[in-house]
Amino acid sequence: YKGFDVSAFFSGSQGNDAYNYQKIFTDFPTFFNGNRSARTLDSWTPSNTNATLPALSQTITNAETQPNSYFVEDASFLRLKNLQVGYTFNDDIASTIGLDMLRLYIQGTNLFTITDYQGLDPEVISSDNLSLGVDGPNPVFPLAQILTVGINTKF
């Protein structure tokens, strides 16, 4: 439209579950006395008997770090993988600087993700084939957000 162009690419996945191994370190860190996730505020106490987490203790682990359904989460997501907005200058402007065509654009990659998954990234779940569907314990870094500015020319 009047020299502007837009291109967008979305990707996603529906109905997949992931084992959020990172919660072992944030919710039940039995090996160090660090801060815990805010999720642990809903732990069982005598006055909070409808809690979603077991009682917390420094000395009794209640086996909460053993594999169980607490760590399984819906990893469905929708991600704006790529968005590019460009402007192509008219031929008169391009020819004044000795070009047949001139186009400027800005492009963004991994701009946003819609998900209920609480781990690092619902798309990057495991680092090897032995732990597919498991977010950890080996570090798997989320996809980077990238912004690019570019020029297309034709001589």
C-alpha atoms as a PDB file:
ATOM      1  CA  TYR A   1       0.000   0.000   0.000  1.00  0.00           C
ATOM      2  CA  LYS A   2       1.618   3.240  -1.199  1.00  0.00           C
ATOM      3  CA  GLY A   3       5.075   1.685  -1.042  1.00  0.00           C
ATOM      4  CA  PHE A   4       4.620  -0.051   2.319  1.00  0.00           C
ATOM      5  CA  ASP A   5       4.674  -3.814   2.741  1.00  0.00           C
ATOM      6  CA  VAL A   6       4.164  -6.060   5.761  1.00  0.00           C
ATOM      7  CA  SER A   7       5.036  -9.709   6.234  1.00  0.00           C
ATOM      8  CA  ALA A   8       4.254 -11.759   9.356  1.00  0.00           C
ATOM      9  CA  PHE A   9       4.939 -15.360  10.318  1.00  0.00           C
ATOM     10  CA  PHE A  10       3.336 -17.018  13.334  1.00  0.00           C
ATOM     11  CA  SER A  11       4.164 -20.453  14.702  1.00  0.00           C
ATOM     12  CA  GLY A  12       2.653 -22.426  17.509  1.00  0.00           C
ATOM     13  CA  SER A  13       1.755 -25.725  19.022  1.00  0.00           C
ATOM     14  CA  GLN A  14      -1.447 -26.870  20.676  1.00  0.00           C
ATOM     15  CA  GLY A  15      -2.010 -29.678  23.168  1.00  0.00           C
ATOM     16  CA  ASN A  16       1.563 -30.517  24.126  1.00  0.00           C
ATOM     17  CA  ASP A  17       2.669 -30.966  27.729  1.00  0.00           C
ATOM     18  CA  ALA A  18       6.121 -30.287  29.136  1.00  0.00           C
ATOM     19  CA  TYR A  19       7.830 -31.304  32.349  1.00  0.00           C
ATOM     20  CA  ASN A  20       8.961 -27.998  33.883  1.00  0.00           C
ATOM     21  CA  TYR A  21      12.129 -29.204  35.594  1.00  0.00           C
ATOM     22  CA  GLN A  22      13.081 -25.618  36.475  1.00  0.00           C
ATOM     23  CA  LYS A  23      10.431 -25.652  39.235  1.00  0.00           C
ATOM     24  CA  ILE A  24      12.638 -28.033  41.239  1.00  0.00           C
ATOM     25  CA  PHE A  25      15.160 -25.208  41.566  1.00  0.00           C
ATOM     26  CA  THR A  26      12.666 -22.370  42.087  1.00  0.00           C
ATOM     27  CA  ASP A  27       9.984 -24.026  44.232  1.00  0.00           C
ATOM     28  CA  PHE A  28      11.790 -26.744  46.218  1.00  0.00           C
ATOM     29  CA  PRO A  29      15.487 -25.862  46.490  1.00  0.00           C
ATOM     30  CA  THR A  30      16.549 -28.405  49.112  1.00  0.00           C
ATOM     31  CA  PHE A  31      20.255 -28.064  48.353  1.00  0.00           C
ATOM     32  CA  PHE A  32      20.639 -24.368  49.231  1.00  0.00           C
ATOM     33  CA  ASN A  33      18.918 -21.779  51.396  1.00  0.00           C
ATOM     34  CA  GLY A  34      17.910 -19.436  48.592  1.00  0.00           C
ATOM     35  CA  ASN A  35      14.757 -17.610  47.713  1.00  0.00           C
ATOM     36  CA  ARG A  36      11.808 -19.598  46.462  1.00  0.00           C
ATOM     37  CA  SER A  37       9.259 -18.869  43.779  1.00  0.00           C
ATOM     38  CA  ALA A  38       6.170 -16.834  44.677  1.00  0.00           C
ATOM     39  CA  ARG A  39       4.180 -19.982  43.789  1.00  0.00           C
ATOM     40  CA  THR A  40       5.261 -21.456  47.129  1.00  0.00           C
ATOM     41  CA  LEU A  41       3.119 -18.905  48.960  1.00  0.00           C
ATOM     42  CA  ASP A  42       0.257 -21.329  48.272  1.00  0.00           C
ATOM     43  CA  SER A  43       1.914 -24.155  50.243  1.00  0.00           C
ATOM     44  CA  TRP A  44       0.027 -26.240  52.776  1.00  0.00           C
ATOM     45  CA  THR A  45      -0.244 -24.840  56.286  1.00  0.00           C
ATOM     46  CA  PRO A  46      -2.782 -25.611  59.015  1.00  0.00           C
ATOM     47  CA  SER A  47      -4.640 -22.447  57.981  1.00  0.00           C
ATOM     48  CA  ASN A  48      -4.309 -23.143  54.211  1.00  0.00           C
ATOM     49  CA  THR A  49      -5.548 -26.710  53.835  1.00  0.00           C
ATOM     50  CA  ASN A  50      -6.698 -26.213  50.209  1.00  0.00           C
ATOM     51  CA  ALA A  51      -3.174 -25.363  49.044  1.00  0.00           C
ATOM     52  CA  THR A  52      -1.788 -26.440  45.679  1.00  0.00           C
ATOM     53  CA  LEU A  53       1.677 -27.280  47.080  1.00  0.00           C
ATOM     54  CA  PRO A  54       2.805 -29.535  49.924  1.00  0.00           C
ATOM     55  CA  ALA A  55       4.034 -28.105  53.216  1.00  0.00           C
ATOM     56  CA  LEU A  56       7.471 -26.565  52.940  1.00  0.00           C
ATOM     57  CA  SER A  57      10.271 -27.650  55.211  1.00  0.00           C
ATOM     58  CA  GLN A  58      14.018 -27.178  55.368  1.00  0.00           C
ATOM     59  CA  THR A  59      14.555 -30.630  56.856  1.00  0.00           C
ATOM     60  CA  ILE A  60      11.784 -32.803  55.395  1.00  0.00           C
ATOM     61  CA  THR A  61      11.573 -32.785  51.615  1.00  0.00           C
ATOM     62  CA  ASN A  62       8.270 -34.706  51.396  1.00  0.00           C
ATOM     63  CA  ALA A  63       9.651 -36.128  48.132  1.00  0.00           C
ATOM     64  CA  GLU A  64       8.364 -33.033  46.347  1.00  0.00           C
ATOM     65  CA  THR A  65      11.291 -33.080  43.917  1.00  0.00           C
ATOM     66  CA  GLN A  66      10.475 -36.602  42.736  1.00  0.00           C
ATOM     67  CA  PRO A  67       8.740 -36.751  39.342  1.00  0.00           C
ATOM     68  CA  ASN A  68       5.062 -35.917  39.769  1.00  0.00           C
ATOM     69  CA  SER A  69       2.249 -34.145  37.971  1.00  0.00           C
ATOM     70  CA  TYR A  70       2.978 -30.812  39.681  1.00  0.00           C
ATOM     71  CA  PHE A  71       5.826 -30.289  37.203  1.00  0.00           C
ATOM     72  CA  VAL A  72       3.758 -31.117  34.083  1.00  0.00           C
ATOM     73  CA  GLU A  73       2.371 -28.032  32.362  1.00  0.00           C
ATOM     74  CA  ASP A  74       0.485 -27.217  29.204  1.00  0.00           C
ATOM     75  CA  ALA A  75       3.184 -25.970  26.815  1.00  0.00           C
ATOM     76  CA  SER A  76       0.830 -24.851  24.047  1.00  0.00           C
ATOM     77  CA  PHE A  77       1.868 -21.528  22.550  1.00  0.00           C
ATOM     78  CA  LEU A  78       1.461 -19.040  19.739  1.00  0.00           C
ATOM     79  CA  ARG A  79       4.536 -16.998  18.807  1.00  0.00           C
ATOM     80  CA  LEU A  80       5.046 -14.109  16.412  1.00  0.00           C
ATOM     81  CA  LYS A  81       8.152 -15.621  14.873  1.00  0.00           C
ATOM     82  CA  ASN A  82       8.862 -12.919  12.309  1.00  0.00           C
ATOM     83  CA  LEU A  83       7.455  -9.506  11.426  1.00  0.00           C
ATOM     84  CA  GLN A  84       8.865  -7.321   8.666  1.00  0.00           C
ATOM     85  CA  VAL A  85       7.669  -3.845   7.704  1.00  0.00           C
ATOM     86  CA  GLY A  86       9.213  -2.219   4.643  1.00  0.00           C
ATOM     87  CA  TYR A  87       8.935   0.846   2.484  1.00  0.00           C
ATOM     88  CA  THR A  88       9.923   0.937  -1.193  1.00  0.00           C
ATOM     89  CA  PHE A  89      10.762   4.412  -2.450  1.00  0.00           C
ATOM     90  CA  ASN A  90       9.329   5.472  -5.790  1.00  0.00           C
ATOM     91  CA  ASP A  91      11.572   5.226  -8.841  1.00  0.00           C
ATOM     92  CA  ASP A  92      12.184   8.990  -8.994  1.00  0.00           C
ATOM     93  CA  ILE A  93      13.780   9.056  -5.540  1.00  0.00           C
ATOM     94  CA  ALA A  94      15.806   5.886  -6.172  1.00  0.00           C
ATOM     95  CA  SER A  95      17.121   7.198  -9.495  1.00  0.00           C
ATOM     96  CA  THR A  96      18.335  10.471  -7.929  1.00  0.00           C
ATOM     97  CA  ILE A  97      20.908   8.461  -5.973  1.00  0.00           C
ATOM     98  CA  GLY A  98      21.776   6.200  -8.916  1.00  0.00           C
ATOM     99  CA  LEU A  99      19.622   3.187  -8.015  1.00  0.00           C
ATOM    100  CA  ASP A 100      16.922   1.315  -9.883  1.00  0.00           C
ATOM    101  CA  MET A 101      15.187   0.366  -6.618  1.00  0.00           C
ATOM    102  CA  LEU A 102      15.515   1.296  -2.935  1.00  0.00           C
ATOM    103  CA  ARG A 103      13.678  -0.368  -0.070  1.00  0.00           C
ATOM    104  CA  LEU A 104      14.203   0.099   3.677  1.00  0.00           C
ATOM    105  CA  TYR A 105      12.842  -2.356   6.227  1.00  0.00           C
ATOM    106  CA  ILE A 106      12.782  -3.247   9.892  1.00  0.00           C
ATOM    107  CA  GLN A 107      12.368  -6.842  10.979  1.00  0.00           C
ATOM    108  CA  GLY A 108      11.697  -8.438  14.343  1.00  0.00           C
ATOM    109  CA  THR A 109      12.147 -12.088  15.260  1.00  0.00           C
ATOM    110  CA  ASN A 110      10.505 -13.790  18.265  1.00  0.00           C
ATOM    111  CA  LEU A 111       8.649 -10.612  19.196  1.00  0.00           C
ATOM    112  CA  PHE A 112       6.087 -12.152  21.547  1.00  0.00           C
ATOM    113  CA  THR A 113       4.749 -15.481  22.762  1.00  0.00           C
ATOM    114  CA  ILE A 114       1.288 -16.228  24.113  1.00  0.00           C
ATOM    115  CA  THR A 115       1.399 -19.187  26.519  1.00  0.00           C
ATOM    116  CA  ASP A 116       0.438 -20.332  30.002  1.00  0.00           C
ATOM    117  CA  TYR A 117       3.718 -22.255  30.313  1.00  0.00           C
ATOM    118  CA  GLN A 118       5.760 -21.006  33.297  1.00  0.00           C
ATOM    119  CA  GLY A 119       9.135 -22.339  32.146  1.00  0.00           C
ATOM    120  CA  LEU A 120      11.735 -20.469  30.141  1.00  0.00           C
ATOM    121  CA  ASP A 121      10.372 -21.157  26.657  1.00  0.00           C
ATOM    122  CA  PRO A 122       7.613 -23.545  25.541  1.00  0.00           C
ATOM    123  CA  GLU A 123       9.271 -24.010  22.134  1.00  0.00           C
ATOM    124  CA  VAL A 124      12.739 -24.937  23.398  1.00  0.00           C
ATOM    125  CA  ILE A 125      12.070 -27.733  25.852  1.00  0.00           C
ATOM    126  CA  SER A 126      15.096 -30.047  25.816  1.00  0.00           C
ATOM    127  CA  SER A 127      18.692 -30.127  24.687  1.00  0.00           C
ATOM    128  CA  ASP A 128      18.880 -33.769  23.636  1.00  0.00           C
ATOM    129  CA  ASN A 129      16.736 -36.624  22.359  1.00  0.00           C
ATOM    130  CA  LEU A 130      16.843 -38.408  25.722  1.00  0.00           C
ATOM    131  CA  SER A 131      14.839 -35.724  27.498  1.00  0.00           C
ATOM    132  CA  LEU A 132      12.273 -34.590  24.938  1.00  0.00           C
ATOM    133  CA  GLY A 133       9.462 -32.722  26.662  1.00  0.00           C
ATOM    134  CA  VAL A 134      11.621 -31.905  29.701  1.00  0.00           C
ATOM    135  CA  ASP A 135      12.633 -28.287  30.398  1.00  0.00           C
ATOM    136  CA  GLY A 136      15.983 -28.952  32.109  1.00  0.00           C
ATOM    137  CA  PRO A 137      18.062 -29.910  34.033  1.00  0.00           C
ATOM    138  CA  ASN A 138      20.655 -29.084  31.358  1.00  0.00           C
ATOM    139  CA  PRO A 139      20.537 -25.409  30.440  1.00  0.00           C
ATOM    140  CA  VAL A 140      18.402 -24.779  27.376  1.00  0.00           C
ATOM    141  CA  PHE A 141      18.256 -21.100  26.620  1.00  0.00           C
ATOM    142  CA  PRO A 142      15.096 -19.440  25.293  1.00  0.00           C
ATOM    143  CA  LEU A 143      15.028 -18.089  21.758  1.00  0.00           C
ATOM    144  CA  ALA A 144      16.505 -14.612  21.458  1.00  0.00           C
ATOM    145  CA  GLN A 145      14.498 -11.610  20.381  1.00  0.00           C
ATOM    146  CA  ILE A 146      16.202  -9.994  17.383  1.00  0.00           C
ATOM    147  CA  LEU A 147      15.629  -6.630  15.693  1.00  0.00           C
ATOM    148  CA  THR A 148      17.144  -5.971  12.264  1.00  0.00           C
ATOM    149  CA  VAL A 149      17.199  -2.898  10.035  1.00  0.00           C
ATOM    150  CA  GLY A 150      18.024  -3.410   6.377  1.00  0.00           C
ATOM    151  CA  ILE A 151      18.225  -1.973   2.880  1.00  0.00           C
ATOM    152  CA  ASN A 152      17.374  -3.660  -0.418  1.00  0.00           C
ATOM    153  CA  THR A 153      18.773  -2.032  -3.549  1.00  0.00           C
ATOM    154  CA  LYS A 154      18.905  -2.754  -7.241  1.00  0.00           C
ATOM    155  CA  PHE A 155      21.534  -1.149  -9.480  1.00  0.00           C
END
